[in-house]
Amino acid sequence: MVLVQANVLDSTHLELATPIRTGRGGKVFVVITDPAIVDSERKQWLDGASEMLRNAYGDSEPEYTPSMVRESNPDYGA
């Protein structure tokens, strides 16, 4: 699936912001979204993700020292 922004030229024509790999006569599906709704949903998702990160890495998270590591990862820092 490819997501491409387009400007509406008139009721039957769109101008794509970037080219797509579909030849003349190819079929595409177009989904019309209200930018305000998309922005609102994105903000809600980002707010939820931020809250989860705050919970995972908050002040109550203990400090781990190298001596607490039971098995080192040989690929770490590679």
C-alpha atoms as a PDB file:
ATOM      1  CA  MET A   1       0.000   0.000   0.000  1.00  0.00           C
ATOM      2  CA  VAL A   2       1.241   3.475  -0.869  1.00  0.00           C
ATOM      3  CA  LEU A   3      -0.082   6.658   0.717  1.00  0.00           C
ATOM      4  CA  VAL A   4       0.130   9.718  -1.546  1.00  0.00           C
ATOM      5  CA  GLN A   5      -1.254  13.167  -0.857  1.00  0.00           C
ATOM      6  CA  ALA A   6      -3.125  14.833  -3.710  1.00  0.00           C
ATOM      7  CA  ASN A   7      -4.647  18.228  -4.446  1.00  0.00           C
ATOM      8  CA  VAL A   8      -8.166  18.346  -5.839  1.00  0.00           C
ATOM      9  CA  LEU A   9      -8.186  20.152  -9.183  1.00  0.00           C
ATOM     10  CA  ASP A  10     -11.915  19.735  -9.770  1.00  0.00           C
ATOM     11  CA  SER A  11     -14.623  17.187  -8.972  1.00  0.00           C
ATOM     12  CA  THR A  12     -13.056  14.530 -11.248  1.00  0.00           C
ATOM     13  CA  HIS A  13      -9.312  15.303 -11.250  1.00  0.00           C
ATOM     14  CA  LEU A  14      -6.541  15.016  -8.680  1.00  0.00           C
ATOM     15  CA  GLU A  15      -2.930  16.200  -8.816  1.00  0.00           C
ATOM     16  CA  LEU A  16      -0.640  13.773  -6.972  1.00  0.00           C
ATOM     17  CA  ALA A  17       2.085  15.235  -4.774  1.00  0.00           C
ATOM     18  CA  THR A  18       4.440  12.426  -5.858  1.00  0.00           C
ATOM     19  CA  PRO A  19       4.336  10.040  -8.835  1.00  0.00           C
ATOM     20  CA  ILE A  20       3.000   6.505  -8.423  1.00  0.00           C
ATOM     21  CA  ARG A  21       4.046   3.310 -10.210  1.00  0.00           C
ATOM     22  CA  THR A  22       0.746   2.719 -11.937  1.00  0.00           C
ATOM     23  CA  GLY A  23       0.510   2.916 -15.698  1.00  0.00           C
ATOM     24  CA  ARG A  24      -2.235   4.466 -17.774  1.00  0.00           C
ATOM     25  CA  GLY A  25      -5.467   2.565 -17.215  1.00  0.00           C
ATOM     26  CA  GLY A  26      -4.234   1.120 -13.907  1.00  0.00           C
ATOM     27  CA  LYS A  27      -6.643   0.919 -10.997  1.00  0.00           C
ATOM     28  CA  VAL A  28      -6.185   2.739  -7.679  1.00  0.00           C
ATOM     29  CA  PHE A  29      -8.402   3.213  -4.645  1.00  0.00           C
ATOM     30  CA  VAL A  30      -8.947   6.715  -3.325  1.00  0.00           C
ATOM     31  CA  VAL A  31      -9.941   7.376   0.288  1.00  0.00           C
ATOM     32  CA  ILE A  32     -11.164  10.854   1.110  1.00  0.00           C
ATOM     33  CA  THR A  33     -10.312  11.996   4.634  1.00  0.00           C
ATOM     34  CA  ASP A  34     -10.944  15.208   6.469  1.00  0.00           C
ATOM     35  CA  PRO A  35      -7.524  16.607   7.480  1.00  0.00           C
ATOM     36  CA  ALA A  36      -8.981  17.854  10.778  1.00  0.00           C
ATOM     37  CA  ILE A  37     -10.084  14.315  11.709  1.00  0.00           C
ATOM     38  CA  VAL A  38      -6.719  12.834  10.665  1.00  0.00           C
ATOM     39  CA  ASP A  39      -4.878  15.445  12.757  1.00  0.00           C
ATOM     40  CA  SER A  40      -7.164  14.786  15.736  1.00  0.00           C
ATOM     41  CA  GLU A  41      -6.642  11.010  15.529  1.00  0.00           C
ATOM     42  CA  ARG A  42      -2.878  11.478  15.182  1.00  0.00           C
ATOM     43  CA  LYS A  43      -2.817  13.725  18.266  1.00  0.00           C
ATOM     44  CA  GLN A  44      -4.792  11.162  20.265  1.00  0.00           C
ATOM     45  CA  TRP A  45      -2.393   8.392  19.199  1.00  0.00           C
ATOM     46  CA  LEU A  46       0.670  10.498  20.048  1.00  0.00           C
ATOM     47  CA  ASP A  47      -0.797  11.482  23.428  1.00  0.00           C
ATOM     48  CA  GLY A  48      -1.479   7.825  24.256  1.00  0.00           C
ATOM     49  CA  ALA A  49       2.003   6.748  23.163  1.00  0.00           C
ATOM     50  CA  SER A  50       3.573   9.534  25.223  1.00  0.00           C
ATOM     51  CA  GLU A  51       1.631   8.467  28.287  1.00  0.00           C
ATOM     52  CA  MET A  52       2.771   4.860  27.875  1.00  0.00           C
ATOM     53  CA  LEU A  53       6.398   5.988  27.586  1.00  0.00           C
ATOM     54  CA  ARG A  54       6.039   8.146  30.707  1.00  0.00           C
ATOM     55  CA  ASN A  55       4.649   5.122  32.564  1.00  0.00           C
ATOM     56  CA  ALA A  56       7.452   2.853  31.331  1.00  0.00           C
ATOM     57  CA  TYR A  57      10.294   5.290  32.000  1.00  0.00           C
ATOM     58  CA  GLY A  58       8.889   7.366  34.837  1.00  0.00           C
ATOM     59  CA  ASP A  59      10.463   8.319  38.151  1.00  0.00           C
ATOM     60  CA  SER A  60       9.374   5.019  39.709  1.00  0.00           C
ATOM     61  CA  GLU A  61      11.514   3.024  37.249  1.00  0.00           C
ATOM     62  CA  PRO A  62      14.493   1.521  39.119  1.00  0.00           C
ATOM     63  CA  GLU A  63      18.074   2.241  38.085  1.00  0.00           C
ATOM     64  CA  TYR A  64      19.842  -0.797  36.676  1.00  0.00           C
ATOM     65  CA  THR A  65      23.572  -1.212  37.154  1.00  0.00           C
ATOM     66  CA  PRO A  66      25.942  -3.334  35.009  1.00  0.00           C
ATOM     67  CA  SER A  67      26.328  -5.765  37.930  1.00  0.00           C
ATOM     68  CA  MET A  68      22.602  -6.589  37.654  1.00  0.00           C
ATOM     69  CA  VAL A  69      22.986  -7.934  34.106  1.00  0.00           C
ATOM     70  CA  ARG A  70      22.810 -11.738  34.136  1.00  0.00           C
ATOM     71  CA  GLU A  71      23.615 -12.346  30.482  1.00  0.00           C
ATOM     72  CA  SER A  72      25.261  -9.756  28.265  1.00  0.00           C
ATOM     73  CA  ASN A  73      24.200  -9.161  24.680  1.00  0.00           C
ATOM     74  CA  PRO A  74      27.219  -9.774  22.409  1.00  0.00           C
ATOM     75  CA  ASP A  75      25.605  -7.679  19.647  1.00  0.00           C
ATOM     76  CA  TYR A  76      25.058  -4.616  21.853  1.00  0.00           C
ATOM     77  CA  GLY A  77      27.006  -1.646  20.535  1.00  0.00           C
ATOM     78  CA  ALA A  78      27.967  -3.481  17.346  1.00  0.00           C
END
